[in-house]
Amino acid sequence: MATETRGEAAAKDEGKGKPARKRTSPVLFVRQVIAELRKVIWPTRRELITYTTVSLVFVLIMVGIVSGLDWVLQKGVFWVFG
């Protein structure tokens, strides 16, 4: 794939001061992207719902923590300077 072509080009230009870069064609790039996407293990619907739920719960907990700290610091500042 792309790393293989880069490795071959780098090996050929090792002795030179400035290595020449080879650009891949857009068609080759799209083929490589499609090949990589075929390797992806896509989550099932159940896994996707689980991951989304866990993420939303985590975000809500973090919002609660940050809001609570903000409220406590606000009360502390108003107590000191108020």
C-alpha atoms as a PDB file:
ATOM      1  CA  MET A   1       0.000   0.000   0.000  1.00  0.00           C
ATOM      2  CA  ALA A   2       1.150   3.591   0.524  1.00  0.00           C
ATOM      3  CA  THR A   3       3.736   2.665   3.135  1.00  0.00           C
ATOM      4  CA  GLU A   4       5.181   0.069   0.785  1.00  0.00           C
ATOM      5  CA  THR A   5       5.663   2.589  -2.024  1.00  0.00           C
ATOM      6  CA  ARG A   6       7.171   5.106   0.376  1.00  0.00           C
ATOM      7  CA  GLY A   7       9.591   2.486   1.724  1.00  0.00           C
ATOM      8  CA  GLU A   8      10.699   1.541  -1.785  1.00  0.00           C
ATOM      9  CA  ALA A   9      11.234   5.174  -2.758  1.00  0.00           C
ATOM     10  CA  ALA A  10      13.185   5.849   0.443  1.00  0.00           C
ATOM     11  CA  ALA A  11      15.387   2.803  -0.136  1.00  0.00           C
ATOM     12  CA  LYS A  12      16.278   3.936  -3.671  1.00  0.00           C
ATOM     13  CA  ASP A  13      17.181   7.474  -2.572  1.00  0.00           C
ATOM     14  CA  GLU A  14      19.204   6.596   0.550  1.00  0.00           C
ATOM     15  CA  GLY A  15      22.565   7.745  -0.761  1.00  0.00           C
ATOM     16  CA  LYS A  16      21.335  11.155  -1.981  1.00  0.00           C
ATOM     17  CA  GLY A  17      21.133  14.356   0.010  1.00  0.00           C
ATOM     18  CA  LYS A  18      17.476  15.123  -0.681  1.00  0.00           C
ATOM     19  CA  PRO A  19      15.037  12.228  -1.088  1.00  0.00           C
ATOM     20  CA  ALA A  20      12.534  12.566  -3.924  1.00  0.00           C
ATOM     21  CA  ARG A  21       8.907  12.075  -2.919  1.00  0.00           C
ATOM     22  CA  LYS A  22       6.562  10.119  -5.108  1.00  0.00           C
ATOM     23  CA  ARG A  23       2.922  11.132  -5.108  1.00  0.00           C
ATOM     24  CA  THR A  24       0.223   8.539  -5.401  1.00  0.00           C
ATOM     25  CA  SER A  25      -2.558   9.052  -7.907  1.00  0.00           C
ATOM     26  CA  PRO A  26      -6.052   9.882  -6.633  1.00  0.00           C
ATOM     27  CA  VAL A  27      -7.336   6.551  -8.025  1.00  0.00           C
ATOM     28  CA  LEU A  28      -4.698   4.604  -6.066  1.00  0.00           C
ATOM     29  CA  PHE A  29      -5.512   6.618  -2.951  1.00  0.00           C
ATOM     30  CA  VAL A  30      -9.234   5.786  -3.222  1.00  0.00           C
ATOM     31  CA  ARG A  31      -8.421   2.096  -3.768  1.00  0.00           C
ATOM     32  CA  GLN A  32      -6.239   2.086  -0.666  1.00  0.00           C
ATOM     33  CA  VAL A  33      -8.931   3.818   1.388  1.00  0.00           C
ATOM     34  CA  ILE A  34     -11.523   1.258   0.291  1.00  0.00           C
ATOM     35  CA  ALA A  35      -9.105  -1.592   1.075  1.00  0.00           C
ATOM     36  CA  GLU A  36      -8.499  -0.192   4.586  1.00  0.00           C
ATOM     37  CA  LEU A  37     -12.227   0.294   5.202  1.00  0.00           C
ATOM     38  CA  ARG A  38     -12.814  -3.370   4.360  1.00  0.00           C
ATOM     39  CA  LYS A  39     -10.434  -4.300   7.200  1.00  0.00           C
ATOM     40  CA  VAL A  40     -12.435  -2.314   9.751  1.00  0.00           C
ATOM     41  CA  ILE A  41     -14.510  -4.325  12.193  1.00  0.00           C
ATOM     42  CA  TRP A  42     -17.709  -2.312  12.303  1.00  0.00           C
ATOM     43  CA  PRO A  43     -19.706  -2.395  15.563  1.00  0.00           C
ATOM     44  CA  THR A  44     -23.075  -4.101  15.681  1.00  0.00           C
ATOM     45  CA  ARG A  45     -26.207  -2.088  16.425  1.00  0.00           C
ATOM     46  CA  ARG A  46     -26.175  -3.295  20.037  1.00  0.00           C
ATOM     47  CA  GLU A  47     -22.490  -2.349  20.504  1.00  0.00           C
ATOM     48  CA  LEU A  48     -23.108   1.049  18.927  1.00  0.00           C
ATOM     49  CA  ILE A  49     -26.005   1.751  21.296  1.00  0.00           C
ATOM     50  CA  THR A  50     -23.876   0.633  24.260  1.00  0.00           C
ATOM     51  CA  TYR A  51     -20.913   2.812  23.232  1.00  0.00           C
ATOM     52  CA  THR A  52     -23.188   5.814  22.651  1.00  0.00           C
ATOM     53  CA  THR A  53     -24.911   5.372  26.013  1.00  0.00           C
ATOM     54  CA  VAL A  54     -21.603   5.039  27.865  1.00  0.00           C
ATOM     55  CA  SER A  55     -20.259   8.152  26.121  1.00  0.00           C
ATOM     56  CA  LEU A  56     -23.348  10.226  26.923  1.00  0.00           C
ATOM     57  CA  VAL A  57     -23.366   9.114  30.574  1.00  0.00           C
ATOM     58  CA  PHE A  58     -19.661   9.980  30.876  1.00  0.00           C
ATOM     59  CA  VAL A  59     -20.235  13.423  29.343  1.00  0.00           C
ATOM     60  CA  LEU A  60     -23.178  14.086  31.675  1.00  0.00           C
ATOM     61  CA  ILE A  61     -21.095  13.079  34.712  1.00  0.00           C
ATOM     62  CA  MET A  62     -18.263  15.373  33.608  1.00  0.00           C
ATOM     63  CA  VAL A  63     -20.721  18.246  33.044  1.00  0.00           C
ATOM     64  CA  GLY A  64     -22.040  17.673  36.578  1.00  0.00           C
ATOM     65  CA  ILE A  65     -18.544  17.689  38.076  1.00  0.00           C
ATOM     66  CA  VAL A  66     -17.460  20.827  36.227  1.00  0.00           C
ATOM     67  CA  SER A  67     -20.742  22.600  37.027  1.00  0.00           C
ATOM     68  CA  GLY A  68     -20.432  21.644  40.695  1.00  0.00           C
ATOM     69  CA  LEU A  69     -16.852  22.899  40.905  1.00  0.00           C
ATOM     70  CA  ASP A  70     -17.866  26.103  39.121  1.00  0.00           C
ATOM     71  CA  TRP A  71     -20.707  26.656  41.592  1.00  0.00           C
ATOM     72  CA  VAL A  72     -18.455  25.977  44.607  1.00  0.00           C
ATOM     73  CA  LEU A  73     -15.740  28.328  43.319  1.00  0.00           C
ATOM     74  CA  GLN A  74     -18.330  31.009  42.539  1.00  0.00           C
ATOM     75  CA  LYS A  75     -19.733  30.806  46.079  1.00  0.00           C
ATOM     76  CA  GLY A  76     -16.197  30.921  47.496  1.00  0.00           C
ATOM     77  CA  VAL A  77     -15.270  34.012  45.473  1.00  0.00           C
ATOM     78  CA  PHE A  78     -18.514  35.774  46.429  1.00  0.00           C
ATOM     79  CA  TRP A  79     -17.911  34.881  50.105  1.00  0.00           C
ATOM     80  CA  VAL A  80     -14.320  36.234  50.024  1.00  0.00           C
ATOM     81  CA  PHE A  81     -15.002  39.395  47.981  1.00  0.00           C
ATOM     82  CA  GLY A  82     -18.733  39.895  48.669  1.00  0.00           C
END
